[in-house]
Amino acid sequence: QVQLLESGGGLVQPGGSLRLSCAASGMIFKVYKLGWYRQAPGKQRELVADITGGGSTNYADSVKGRFTISRDNAKNTMYLQMNSLKPEDTAVYYCNAYVARNYDYWGQGTQVTVSS
């Protein structure tokens, strides 16, 4: 059974940093494309960043230069380093693992709140 477990969310002041982690189990981790998504109240879920098994990355324009996605295939874990956080980054952050249509998994989400 595939499980994705996010951690690292919390309350941070504007300009601060947080590091999210997504620990995976029950899957061949290295073959999956992984992504971080977020959903703010009243808004649709949106892609923040993703990373292929080979390490190629893609970022939403709103987070380029501030966020860094990475993965450790030996630890079955993905990370999102978030720097220079802004109030508009406030959302529930979800990790996703995808390899094909019937192999598309989501974590339960972790809340990130950026506020003074």
PDB file of N, CA and C in Angstrom:
ATOM      1  N   GLN A   1       0.847  -1.194   0.000  1.00  0.00           N
ATOM      2  CA  GLN A   1       0.000   0.000   0.000  1.00  0.00           C
ATOM      3  C   GLN A   1       0.882   1.243   0.000  1.00  0.00           C
ATOM      4  N   VAL A   2       0.639   2.129  -0.969  1.00  0.00           N
ATOM      5  CA  VAL A   2       1.436   3.341  -1.073  1.00  0.00           C
ATOM      6  C   VAL A   2       0.990   4.349  -0.029  1.00  0.00           C
ATOM      7  N   GLN A   3       1.964   4.939   0.641  1.00  0.00           N
ATOM      8  CA  GLN A   3       1.684   6.015   1.590  1.00  0.00           C
ATOM      9  C   GLN A   3       2.664   7.154   1.362  1.00  0.00           C
ATOM     10  N   LEU A   4       2.136   8.362   1.408  1.00  0.00           N
ATOM     11  CA  LEU A   4       2.946   9.580   1.351  1.00  0.00           C
ATOM     12  C   LEU A   4       2.632  10.390   2.594  1.00  0.00           C
ATOM     13  N   LEU A   5       3.663  10.761   3.333  1.00  0.00           N
ATOM     14  CA  LEU A   5       3.458  11.460   4.594  1.00  0.00           C
ATOM     15  C   LEU A   5       4.264  12.749   4.592  1.00  0.00           C
ATOM     16  N   GLU A   6       3.538  13.887   4.576  1.00  0.00           N
ATOM     17  CA  GLU A   6       4.207  15.189   4.610  1.00  0.00           C
ATOM     18  C   GLU A   6       4.492  15.613   6.053  1.00  0.00           C
ATOM     19  N   SER A   7       5.522  16.404   6.209  1.00  0.00           N
ATOM     20  CA  SER A   7       5.839  17.005   7.503  1.00  0.00           C
ATOM     21  C   SER A   7       6.601  18.298   7.267  1.00  0.00           C
ATOM     22  N   GLY A   8       6.701  19.107   8.316  1.00  0.00           N
ATOM     23  CA  GLY A   8       7.513  20.308   8.244  1.00  0.00           C
ATOM     24  C   GLY A   8       6.737  21.605   8.114  1.00  0.00           C
ATOM     25  N   GLY A   9       5.427  21.520   7.994  1.00  0.00           N
ATOM     26  CA  GLY A   9       4.642  22.743   7.911  1.00  0.00           C
ATOM     27  C   GLY A   9       4.584  23.463   9.241  1.00  0.00           C
ATOM     28  N   GLY A  10       4.016  24.669   9.205  1.00  0.00           N
ATOM     29  CA  GLY A  10       3.890  25.428  10.437  1.00  0.00           C
ATOM     30  C   GLY A  10       3.639  26.889  10.166  1.00  0.00           C
ATOM     31  N   LEU A  11       3.807  27.692  11.221  1.00  0.00           N
ATOM     32  CA  LEU A  11       3.625  29.136  11.150  1.00  0.00           C
ATOM     33  C   LEU A  11       4.986  29.804  11.067  1.00  0.00           C
ATOM     34  N   VAL A  12       5.150  30.691  10.113  1.00  0.00           N
ATOM     35  CA  VAL A  12       6.419  31.389   9.929  1.00  0.00           C
ATOM     36  C   VAL A  12       6.131  32.835   9.549  1.00  0.00           C
ATOM     37  N   GLN A  13       7.032  33.728   9.932  1.00  0.00           N
ATOM     38  CA  GLN A  13       6.874  35.134   9.588  1.00  0.00           C
ATOM     39  C   GLN A  13       7.277  35.385   8.133  1.00  0.00           C
ATOM     40  N   PRO A  14       6.740  36.425   7.524  1.00  0.00           N
ATOM     41  CA  PRO A  14       7.174  36.773   6.166  1.00  0.00           C
ATOM     42  C   PRO A  14       8.685  36.935   6.102  1.00  0.00           C
ATOM     43  N   GLY A  15       9.264  36.388   5.041  1.00  0.00           N
ATOM     44  CA  GLY A  15      10.711  36.401   4.891  1.00  0.00           C
ATOM     45  C   GLY A  15      11.407  35.196   5.481  1.00  0.00           C
ATOM     46  N   GLY A  16      10.665  34.395   6.218  1.00  0.00           N
ATOM     47  CA  GLY A  16      11.239  33.218   6.856  1.00  0.00           C
ATOM     48  C   GLY A  16      11.339  32.025   5.937  1.00  0.00           C
ATOM     49  N   SER A  17      11.777  30.908   6.510  1.00  0.00           N
ATOM     50  CA  SER A  17      11.993  29.684   5.743  1.00  0.00           C
ATOM     51  C   SER A  17      11.348  28.494   6.429  1.00  0.00           C
ATOM     52  N   LEU A  18      10.986  27.521   5.615  1.00  0.00           N
ATOM     53  CA  LEU A  18      10.513  26.234   6.092  1.00  0.00           C
ATOM     54  C   LEU A  18      11.020  25.163   5.134  1.00  0.00           C
ATOM     55  N   ARG A  19      11.164  23.956   5.648  1.00  0.00           N
ATOM     56  CA  ARG A  19      11.529  22.817   4.807  1.00  0.00           C
ATOM     57  C   ARG A  19      10.476  21.731   4.981  1.00  0.00           C
ATOM     58  N   LEU A  20       9.796  21.423   3.903  1.00  0.00           N
ATOM     59  CA  LEU A  20       8.814  20.352   3.920  1.00  0.00           C
ATOM     60  C   LEU A  20       9.466  19.043   3.491  1.00  0.00           C
ATOM     61  N   SER A  21       8.987  17.963   4.069  1.00  0.00           N
ATOM     62  CA  SER A  21       9.440  16.623   3.689  1.00  0.00           C
ATOM     63  C   SER A  21       8.234  15.775   3.315  1.00  0.00           C
ATOM     64  N   CYS A  22       8.460  14.833   2.398  1.00  0.00           N
ATOM     65  CA  CYS A  22       7.430  13.876   2.021  1.00  0.00           C
ATOM     66  C   CYS A  22       8.081  12.502   2.007  1.00  0.00           C
ATOM     67  N   ALA A  23       7.709  11.684   2.973  1.00  0.00           N
ATOM     68  CA  ALA A  23       8.270  10.336   3.079  1.00  0.00           C
ATOM     69  C   ALA A  23       7.318   9.346   2.431  1.00  0.00           C
ATOM     70  N   ALA A  24       7.863   8.535   1.535  1.00  0.00           N
ATOM     71  CA  ALA A  24       7.052   7.583   0.784  1.00  0.00           C
ATOM     72  C   ALA A  24       7.342   6.160   1.210  1.00  0.00           C
ATOM     73  N   SER A  25       6.326   5.311   1.104  1.00  0.00           N
ATOM     74  CA  SER A  25       6.496   3.889   1.375  1.00  0.00           C
ATOM     75  C   SER A  25       5.564   3.100   0.464  1.00  0.00           C
ATOM     76  N   GLY A  26       5.903   1.824   0.265  1.00  0.00           N
ATOM     77  CA  GLY A  26       5.047   0.952  -0.537  1.00  0.00           C
ATOM     78  C   GLY A  26       5.140   1.163  -2.027  1.00  0.00           C
ATOM     79  N   MET A  27       6.230   1.743  -2.497  1.00  0.00           N
ATOM     80  CA  MET A  27       6.366   2.048  -3.919  1.00  0.00           C
ATOM     81  C   MET A  27       7.822   1.970  -4.339  1.00  0.00           C
ATOM     82  N   ILE A  28       8.039   1.822  -5.660  1.00  0.00           N
ATOM     83  CA  ILE A  28       9.395   1.913  -6.202  1.00  0.00           C
ATOM     84  C   ILE A  28       9.659   3.389  -6.429  1.00  0.00           C
ATOM     85  N   PHE A  29      10.179   4.018  -5.420  1.00  0.00           N
ATOM     86  CA  PHE A  29      10.241   5.475  -5.327  1.00  0.00           C
ATOM     87  C   PHE A  29      10.912   6.107  -6.536  1.00  0.00           C
ATOM     88  N   LYS A  30      12.021   5.536  -6.973  1.00  0.00           N
ATOM     89  CA  LYS A  30      12.856   6.222  -7.961  1.00  0.00           C
ATOM     90  C   LYS A  30      12.192   6.362  -9.320  1.00  0.00           C
ATOM     91  N   VAL A  31      11.147   5.585  -9.617  1.00  0.00           N
ATOM     92  CA  VAL A  31      10.542   5.669 -10.942  1.00  0.00           C
ATOM     93  C   VAL A  31       9.439   6.721 -11.008  1.00  0.00           C
ATOM     94  N   TYR A  32       9.037   7.239  -9.858  1.00  0.00           N
ATOM     95  CA  TYR A  32       7.922   8.168  -9.816  1.00  0.00           C
ATOM     96  C   TYR A  32       8.368   9.607 -10.041  1.00  0.00           C
ATOM     97  N   LYS A  33       7.563  10.332 -10.796  1.00  0.00           N
ATOM     98  CA  LYS A  33       7.671  11.782 -10.844  1.00  0.00           C
ATOM     99  C   LYS A  33       6.986  12.317  -9.591  1.00  0.00           C
ATOM    100  N   LEU A  34       7.656  13.192  -8.886  1.00  0.00           N
ATOM    101  CA  LEU A  34       7.145  13.709  -7.617  1.00  0.00           C
ATOM    102  C   LEU A  34       6.847  15.194  -7.732  1.00  0.00           C
ATOM    103  N   GLY A  35       5.860  15.619  -6.982  1.00  0.00           N
ATOM    104  CA  GLY A  35       5.519  17.031  -7.032  1.00  0.00           C
ATOM    105  C   GLY A  35       4.982  17.548  -5.718  1.00  0.00           C
ATOM    106  N   TRP A  36       5.134  18.838  -5.530  1.00  0.00           N
ATOM    107  CA  TRP A  36       4.486  19.565  -4.429  1.00  0.00           C
ATOM    108  C   TRP A  36       3.394  20.432  -5.032  1.00  0.00           C
ATOM    109  N   TYR A  37       2.217  20.343  -4.467  1.00  0.00           N
ATOM    110  CA  TYR A  37       1.077  21.165  -4.844  1.00  0.00           C
ATOM    111  C   TYR A  37       0.612  21.925  -3.611  1.00  0.00           C
ATOM    112  N   ARG A  38      -0.153  22.977  -3.831  1.00  0.00           N
ATOM    113  CA  ARG A  38      -0.718  23.693  -2.693  1.00  0.00           C
ATOM    114  C   ARG A  38      -2.125  24.169  -3.021  1.00  0.00           C
ATOM    115  N   GLN A  39      -2.895  24.319  -1.957  1.00  0.00           N
ATOM    116  CA  GLN A  39      -4.261  24.801  -2.112  1.00  0.00           C
ATOM    117  C   GLN A  39      -4.566  25.790  -1.005  1.00  0.00           C
ATOM    118  N   ALA A  40      -4.822  27.019  -1.416  1.00  0.00           N
ATOM    119  CA  ALA A  40      -5.207  28.066  -0.474  1.00  0.00           C
ATOM    120  C   ALA A  40      -6.736  28.083  -0.360  1.00  0.00           C
ATOM    121  N   PRO A  41      -7.254  28.626   0.739  1.00  0.00           N
ATOM    122  CA  PRO A  41      -8.719  28.679   0.912  1.00  0.00           C
ATOM    123  C   PRO A  41      -9.400  29.375  -0.262  1.00  0.00           C
ATOM    124  N   GLY A  42     -10.415  28.732  -0.814  1.00  0.00           N
ATOM    125  CA  GLY A  42     -11.177  29.318  -1.910  1.00  0.00           C
ATOM    126  C   GLY A  42     -10.502  29.260  -3.254  1.00  0.00           C
ATOM    127  N   LYS A  43      -9.348  28.594  -3.332  1.00  0.00           N
ATOM    128  CA  LYS A  43      -8.621  28.515  -4.601  1.00  0.00           C
ATOM    129  C   LYS A  43      -8.430  27.066  -5.020  1.00  0.00           C
ATOM    130  N   GLN A  44      -8.121  26.878  -6.294  1.00  0.00           N
ATOM    131  CA  GLN A  44      -7.849  25.533  -6.793  1.00  0.00           C
ATOM    132  C   GLN A  44      -6.450  25.095  -6.394  1.00  0.00           C
ATOM    133  N   ARG A  45      -6.278  23.779  -6.331  1.00  0.00           N
ATOM    134  CA  ARG A  45      -4.961  23.239  -6.073  1.00  0.00           C
ATOM    135  C   ARG A  45      -4.063  23.570  -7.262  1.00  0.00           C
ATOM    136  N   GLU A  46      -2.825  23.974  -6.949  1.00  0.00           N
ATOM    137  CA  GLU A  46      -1.894  24.365  -8.009  1.00  0.00           C
ATOM    138  C   GLU A  46      -0.544  23.699  -7.804  1.00  0.00           C
ATOM    139  N   LEU A  47       0.136  23.478  -8.919  1.00  0.00           N
ATOM    140  CA  LEU A  47       1.474  22.917  -8.864  1.00  0.00           C
ATOM    141  C   LEU A  47       2.447  23.961  -8.327  1.00  0.00           C
ATOM    142  N   VAL A  48       3.279  23.553  -7.392  1.00  0.00           N
ATOM    143  CA  VAL A  48       4.349  24.413  -6.877  1.00  0.00           C
ATOM    144  C   VAL A  48       5.663  24.065  -7.582  1.00  0.00           C
ATOM    145  N   ALA A  49       5.997  22.772  -7.571  1.00  0.00           N
ATOM    146  CA  ALA A  49       7.234  22.304  -8.197  1.00  0.00           C
ATOM    147  C   ALA A  49       7.141  20.804  -8.380  1.00  0.00           C
ATOM    148  N   ASP A  50       7.861  20.292  -9.389  1.00  0.00           N
ATOM    149  CA  ASP A  50       7.948  18.854  -9.519  1.00  0.00           C
ATOM    150  C   ASP A  50       9.352  18.447  -9.934  1.00  0.00           C
ATOM    151  N   ILE A  51       9.612  17.138  -9.785  1.00  0.00           N
ATOM    152  CA  ILE A  51      10.949  16.620 -10.053  1.00  0.00           C
ATOM    153  C   ILE A  51      10.818  15.206 -10.586  1.00  0.00           C
ATOM    154  N   THR A  52      11.535  14.913 -11.661  1.00  0.00           N
ATOM    155  CA  THR A  52      11.488  13.587 -12.249  1.00  0.00           C
ATOM    156  C   THR A  52      12.417  12.636 -11.490  1.00  0.00           C
ATOM    157  N   GLY A  53      12.336  11.364 -11.849  1.00  0.00           N
ATOM    158  CA  GLY A  53      13.228  10.392 -11.235  1.00  0.00           C
ATOM    159  C   GLY A  53      14.691  10.698 -11.504  1.00  0.00           C
ATOM    160  N   GLY A  54      14.952  11.329 -12.657  1.00  0.00           N
ATOM    161  CA  GLY A  54      16.319  11.690 -13.005  1.00  0.00           C
ATOM    162  C   GLY A  54      16.777  13.009 -12.435  1.00  0.00           C
ATOM    163  N   GLY A  55      15.873  13.722 -11.765  1.00  0.00           N
ATOM    164  CA  GLY A  55      16.256  14.952 -11.092  1.00  0.00           C
ATOM    165  C   GLY A  55      15.933  16.242 -11.833  1.00  0.00           C
ATOM    166  N   SER A  56      15.267  16.156 -12.978  1.00  0.00           N
ATOM    167  CA  SER A  56      14.865  17.386 -13.673  1.00  0.00           C
ATOM    168  C   SER A  56      13.733  18.057 -12.905  1.00  0.00           C
ATOM    169  N   THR A  57      13.827  19.380 -12.783  1.00  0.00           N
ATOM    170  CA  THR A  57      12.876  20.117 -11.957  1.00  0.00           C
ATOM    171  C   THR A  57      12.086  21.136 -12.769  1.00  0.00           C
ATOM    172  N   ASN A  58      10.952  21.493 -12.205  1.00  0.00           N
ATOM    173  CA  ASN A  58      10.053  22.475 -12.825  1.00  0.00           C
ATOM    174  C   ASN A  58       9.398  23.241 -11.693  1.00  0.00           C
ATOM    175  N   TYR A  59       9.271  24.576 -11.845  1.00  0.00           N
ATOM    176  CA  TYR A  59       8.722  25.409 -10.785  1.00  0.00           C
ATOM    177  C   TYR A  59       7.629  26.332 -11.315  1.00  0.00           C
ATOM    178  N   ALA A  60       6.663  26.602 -10.477  1.00  0.00           N
ATOM    179  CA  ALA A  60       5.706  27.653 -10.772  1.00  0.00           C
ATOM    180  C   ALA A  60       6.443  28.989 -10.765  1.00  0.00           C
ATOM    181  N   ASP A  61       6.015  29.896 -11.625  1.00  0.00           N
ATOM    182  CA  ASP A  61       6.682  31.202 -11.700  1.00  0.00           C
ATOM    183  C   ASP A  61       6.681  31.918 -10.353  1.00  0.00           C
ATOM    184  N   SER A  62       5.632  31.720  -9.581  1.00  0.00           N
ATOM    185  CA  SER A  62       5.488  32.437  -8.313  1.00  0.00           C
ATOM    186  C   SER A  62       6.508  32.028  -7.260  1.00  0.00           C
ATOM    187  N   VAL A  63       7.161  30.878  -7.446  1.00  0.00           N
ATOM    188  CA  VAL A  63       8.113  30.407  -6.426  1.00  0.00           C
ATOM    189  C   VAL A  63       9.539  30.297  -6.955  1.00  0.00           C
ATOM    190  N   LYS A  64       9.742  30.564  -8.234  1.00  0.00           N
ATOM    191  CA  LYS A  64      11.093  30.462  -8.807  1.00  0.00           C
ATOM    192  C   LYS A  64      12.054  31.371  -8.068  1.00  0.00           C
ATOM    193  N   GLY A  65      13.215  30.825  -7.744  1.00  0.00           N
ATOM    194  CA  GLY A  65      14.224  31.595  -7.041  1.00  0.00           C
ATOM    195  C   GLY A  65      14.058  31.614  -5.533  1.00  0.00           C
ATOM    196  N   ARG A  66      12.914  31.118  -5.043  1.00  0.00           N
ATOM    197  CA  ARG A  66      12.679  31.089  -3.595  1.00  0.00           C
ATOM    198  C   ARG A  66      12.559  29.669  -3.053  1.00  0.00           C
ATOM    199  N   PHE A  67      11.986  28.778  -3.837  1.00  0.00           N
ATOM    200  CA  PHE A  67      11.761  27.392  -3.413  1.00  0.00           C
ATOM    201  C   PHE A  67      12.704  26.467  -4.178  1.00  0.00           C
ATOM    202  N   THR A  68      13.098  25.380  -3.516  1.00  0.00           N
ATOM    203  CA  THR A  68      13.926  24.362  -4.150  1.00  0.00           C
ATOM    204  C   THR A  68      13.357  22.981  -3.835  1.00  0.00           C
ATOM    205  N   ILE A  69      13.069  22.227  -4.869  1.00  0.00           N
ATOM    206  CA  ILE A  69      12.590  20.859  -4.708  1.00  0.00           C
ATOM    207  C   ILE A  69      13.768  19.906  -4.875  1.00  0.00           C
ATOM    208  N   SER A  70      13.758  18.836  -4.083  1.00  0.00           N
ATOM    209  CA  SER A  70      14.822  17.833  -4.200  1.00  0.00           C
ATOM    210  C   SER A  70      14.267  16.489  -3.751  1.00  0.00           C
ATOM    211  N   ARG A  71      15.014  15.452  -4.047  1.00  0.00           N
ATOM    212  CA  ARG A  71      14.598  14.109  -3.652  1.00  0.00           C
ATOM    213  C   ARG A  71      15.832  13.294  -3.280  1.00  0.00           C
ATOM    214  N   ASP A  72      15.635  12.379  -2.353  1.00  0.00           N
ATOM    215  CA  ASP A  72      16.679  11.451  -1.953  1.00  0.00           C
ATOM    216  C   ASP A  72      16.115  10.048  -2.188  1.00  0.00           C
ATOM    217  N   ASN A  73      16.484   9.447  -3.302  1.00  0.00           N
ATOM    218  CA  ASN A  73      15.914   8.144  -3.650  1.00  0.00           C
ATOM    219  C   ASN A  73      16.339   7.045  -2.674  1.00  0.00           C
ATOM    220  N   ALA A  74      17.469   7.225  -2.024  1.00  0.00           N
ATOM    221  CA  ALA A  74      17.920   6.234  -1.043  1.00  0.00           C
ATOM    222  C   ALA A  74      17.069   6.262   0.220  1.00  0.00           C
ATOM    223  N   LYS A  75      16.480   7.423   0.502  1.00  0.00           N
ATOM    224  CA  LYS A  75      15.658   7.574   1.704  1.00  0.00           C
ATOM    225  C   LYS A  75      14.167   7.611   1.385  1.00  0.00           C
ATOM    226  N   ASN A  76      13.817   7.451   0.096  1.00  0.00           N
ATOM    227  CA  ASN A  76      12.404   7.520  -0.312  1.00  0.00           C
ATOM    228  C   ASN A  76      11.732   8.794   0.186  1.00  0.00           C
ATOM    229  N   THR A  77      12.438   9.904   0.058  1.00  0.00           N
ATOM    230  CA  THR A  77      11.937  11.162   0.605  1.00  0.00           C
ATOM    231  C   THR A  77      12.143  12.300  -0.389  1.00  0.00           C
ATOM    232  N   MET A  78      11.151  13.167  -0.442  1.00  0.00           N
ATOM    233  CA  MET A  78      11.219  14.382  -1.254  1.00  0.00           C
ATOM    234  C   MET A  78      11.170  15.578  -0.311  1.00  0.00           C
ATOM    235  N   TYR A  79      11.778  16.670  -0.746  1.00  0.00           N
ATOM    236  CA  TYR A  79      11.845  17.873   0.091  1.00  0.00           C
ATOM    237  C   TYR A  79      11.406  19.099  -0.704  1.00  0.00           C
ATOM    238  N   LEU A  80      10.982  20.105   0.048  1.00  0.00           N
ATOM    239  CA  LEU A  80      10.747  21.417  -0.539  1.00  0.00           C
ATOM    240  C   LEU A  80      11.317  22.449   0.419  1.00  0.00           C
ATOM    241  N   GLN A  81      12.419  23.055   0.026  1.00  0.00           N
ATOM    242  CA  GLN A  81      13.014  24.139   0.814  1.00  0.00           C
ATOM    243  C   GLN A  81      12.358  25.437   0.366  1.00  0.00           C
ATOM    244  N   MET A  82      11.726  26.115   1.304  1.00  0.00           N
ATOM    245  CA  MET A  82      10.998  27.344   0.999  1.00  0.00           C
ATOM    246  C   MET A  82      11.652  28.506   1.724  1.00  0.00           C
ATOM    247  N   ASN A  83      12.182  29.440   0.980  1.00  0.00           N
ATOM    248  CA  ASN A  83      12.829  30.631   1.531  1.00  0.00           C
ATOM    249  C   ASN A  83      12.063  31.881   1.129  1.00  0.00           C
ATOM    250  N   SER A  84      12.337  32.963   1.814  1.00  0.00           N
ATOM    251  CA  SER A  84      11.698  34.251   1.502  1.00  0.00           C
ATOM    252  C   SER A  84      10.185  34.097   1.389  1.00  0.00           C
ATOM    253  N   LEU A  85       9.618  33.450   2.367  1.00  0.00           N
ATOM    254  CA  LEU A  85       8.185  33.159   2.321  1.00  0.00           C
ATOM    255  C   LEU A  85       7.348  34.433   2.389  1.00  0.00           C
ATOM    256  N   LYS A  86       6.233  34.388   1.681  1.00  0.00           N
ATOM    257  CA  LYS A  86       5.317  35.522   1.599  1.00  0.00           C
ATOM    258  C   LYS A  86       3.943  35.090   2.126  1.00  0.00           C
ATOM    259  N   PRO A  87       3.130  36.033   2.557  1.00  0.00           N
ATOM    260  CA  PRO A  87       1.776  35.664   3.007  1.00  0.00           C
ATOM    261  C   PRO A  87       0.989  34.893   1.955  1.00  0.00           C
ATOM    262  N   GLU A  88       1.225  35.195   0.691  1.00  0.00           N
ATOM    263  CA  GLU A  88       0.498  34.491  -0.372  1.00  0.00           C
ATOM    264  C   GLU A  88       0.955  33.050  -0.569  1.00  0.00           C
ATOM    265  N   ASP A  89       1.989  32.632   0.126  1.00  0.00           N
ATOM    266  CA  ASP A  89       2.399  31.225   0.116  1.00  0.00           C
ATOM    267  C   ASP A  89       1.578  30.393   1.108  1.00  0.00           C
ATOM    268  N   THR A  90       0.759  31.044   1.899  1.00  0.00           N
ATOM    269  CA  THR A  90      -0.077  30.339   2.864  1.00  0.00           C
ATOM    270  C   THR A  90      -1.039  29.393   2.146  1.00  0.00           C
ATOM    271  N   ALA A  91      -0.993  28.122   2.532  1.00  0.00           N
ATOM    272  CA  ALA A  91      -1.808  27.102   1.873  1.00  0.00           C
ATOM    273  C   ALA A  91      -1.572  25.765   2.573  1.00  0.00           C
ATOM    274  N   VAL A  92      -2.383  24.792   2.207  1.00  0.00           N
ATOM    275  CA  VAL A  92      -2.076  23.406   2.539  1.00  0.00           C
ATOM    276  C   VAL A  92      -1.213  22.859   1.404  1.00  0.00           C
ATOM    277  N   TYR A  93      -0.079  22.293   1.766  1.00  0.00           N
ATOM    278  CA  TYR A  93       0.858  21.762   0.783  1.00  0.00           C
ATOM    279  C   TYR A  93       0.736  20.236   0.746  1.00  0.00           C
ATOM    280  N   TYR A  94       0.619  19.707  -0.468  1.00  0.00           N
ATOM    281  CA  TYR A  94       0.443  18.283  -0.670  1.00  0.00           C
ATOM    282  C   TYR A  94       1.597  17.731  -1.512  1.00  0.00           C
ATOM    283  N   CYS A  95       2.019  16.528  -1.191  1.00  0.00           N
ATOM    284  CA  CYS A  95       2.963  15.872  -2.085  1.00  0.00           C
ATOM    285  C   CYS A  95       2.224  14.866  -2.955  1.00  0.00           C
ATOM    286  N   ASN A  96       2.754  14.681  -4.131  1.00  0.00           N
ATOM    287  CA  ASN A  96       2.148  13.818  -5.140  1.00  0.00           C
ATOM    288  C   ASN A  96       3.220  12.944  -5.762  1.00  0.00           C
ATOM    289  N   ALA A  97       2.840  11.704  -6.023  1.00  0.00           N
ATOM    290  CA  ALA A  97       3.721  10.778  -6.739  1.00  0.00           C
ATOM    291  C   ALA A  97       2.947  10.207  -7.909  1.00  0.00           C
ATOM    292  N   TYR A  98       3.540  10.291  -9.097  1.00  0.00           N
ATOM    293  CA  TYR A  98       2.819   9.888 -10.314  1.00  0.00           C
ATOM    294  C   TYR A  98       3.760   9.130 -11.237  1.00  0.00           C
ATOM    295  N   VAL A  99       3.261   8.002 -11.765  1.00  0.00           N
ATOM    296  CA  VAL A  99       4.008   7.325 -12.814  1.00  0.00           C
ATOM    297  C   VAL A  99       3.114   6.968 -13.987  1.00  0.00           C
ATOM    298  N   ALA A 100       1.816   6.812 -13.731  1.00  0.00           N
ATOM    299  CA  ALA A 100       0.847   6.513 -14.779  1.00  0.00           C
ATOM    300  C   ALA A 100      -0.530   6.792 -14.212  1.00  0.00           C
ATOM    301  N   ARG A 101      -1.552   6.758 -15.068  1.00  0.00           N
ATOM    302  CA  ARG A 101      -2.887   7.192 -14.648  1.00  0.00           C
ATOM    303  C   ARG A 101      -3.384   6.470 -13.413  1.00  0.00           C
ATOM    304  N   ASN A 102      -3.176   5.214 -13.280  1.00  0.00           N
ATOM    305  CA  ASN A 102      -3.669   4.472 -12.116  1.00  0.00           C
ATOM    306  C   ASN A 102      -2.647   4.403 -10.988  1.00  0.00           C
ATOM    307  N   TYR A 103      -1.579   5.128 -11.150  1.00  0.00           N
ATOM    308  CA  TYR A 103      -0.519   5.153 -10.136  1.00  0.00           C
ATOM    309  C   TYR A 103      -0.217   6.611  -9.824  1.00  0.00           C
ATOM    310  N   ASP A 104      -1.199   7.243  -9.196  1.00  0.00           N
ATOM    311  CA  ASP A 104      -1.183   8.677  -8.909  1.00  0.00           C
ATOM    312  C   ASP A 104      -1.614   8.826  -7.462  1.00  0.00           C
ATOM    313  N   TYR A 105      -0.668   9.198  -6.596  1.00  0.00           N
ATOM    314  CA  TYR A 105      -0.912   9.166  -5.159  1.00  0.00           C
ATOM    315  C   TYR A 105      -0.695  10.533  -4.540  1.00  0.00           C
ATOM    316  N   TRP A 106      -1.457  10.766  -3.442  1.00  0.00           N
ATOM    317  CA  TRP A 106      -1.394  12.045  -2.733  1.00  0.00           C
ATOM    318  C   TRP A 106      -1.191  11.820  -1.242  1.00  0.00           C
ATOM    319  N   GLY A 107      -0.477  12.757  -0.626  1.00  0.00           N
ATOM    320  CA  GLY A 107      -0.381  12.780   0.819  1.00  0.00           C
ATOM    321  C   GLY A 107      -1.592  13.489   1.415  1.00  0.00           C
ATOM    322  N   GLN A 108      -1.605  13.578   2.736  1.00  0.00           N
ATOM    323  CA  GLN A 108      -2.749  14.167   3.439  1.00  0.00           C
ATOM    324  C   GLN A 108      -2.650  15.679   3.551  1.00  0.00           C
ATOM    325  N   GLY A 109      -1.476  16.226   3.285  1.00  0.00           N
ATOM    326  CA  GLY A 109      -1.282  17.671   3.328  1.00  0.00           C
ATOM    327  C   GLY A 109      -0.688  18.169   4.632  1.00  0.00           C
ATOM    328  N   THR A 110       0.010  19.288   4.535  1.00  0.00           N
ATOM    329  CA  THR A 110       0.563  19.950   5.717  1.00  0.00           C
ATOM    330  C   THR A 110       0.344  21.453   5.555  1.00  0.00           C
ATOM    331  N   GLN A 111      -0.105  22.081   6.633  1.00  0.00           N
ATOM    332  CA  GLN A 111      -0.457  23.504   6.581  1.00  0.00           C
ATOM    333  C   GLN A 111       0.794  24.366   6.696  1.00  0.00           C
ATOM    334  N   VAL A 112       0.898  25.335   5.810  1.00  0.00           N
ATOM    335  CA  VAL A 112       1.937  26.368   5.888  1.00  0.00           C
ATOM    336  C   VAL A 112       1.219  27.711   6.005  1.00  0.00           C
ATOM    337  N   THR A 113       1.535  28.434   7.064  1.00  0.00           N
ATOM    338  CA  THR A 113       0.941  29.743   7.288  1.00  0.00           C
ATOM    339  C   THR A 113       2.049  30.776   7.419  1.00  0.00           C
ATOM    340  N   VAL A 114       1.988  31.798   6.574  1.00  0.00           N
ATOM    341  CA  VAL A 114       2.989  32.871   6.593  1.00  0.00           C
ATOM    342  C   VAL A 114       2.293  34.139   7.071  1.00  0.00           C
ATOM    343  N   SER A 115       2.625  34.551   8.265  1.00  0.00           N
ATOM    344  CA  SER A 115       1.935  35.686   8.868  1.00  0.00           C
ATOM    345  C   SER A 115       2.798  36.298   9.957  1.00  0.00           C
ATOM    346  N   SER A 116       2.653  37.605  10.114  1.00  0.00           N
ATOM    347  CA  SER A 116       3.355  38.283  11.204  1.00  0.00           C
ATOM    348  C   SER A 116       2.452  38.392  12.428  1.00  0.00           C
TER     349      SER A 116
END
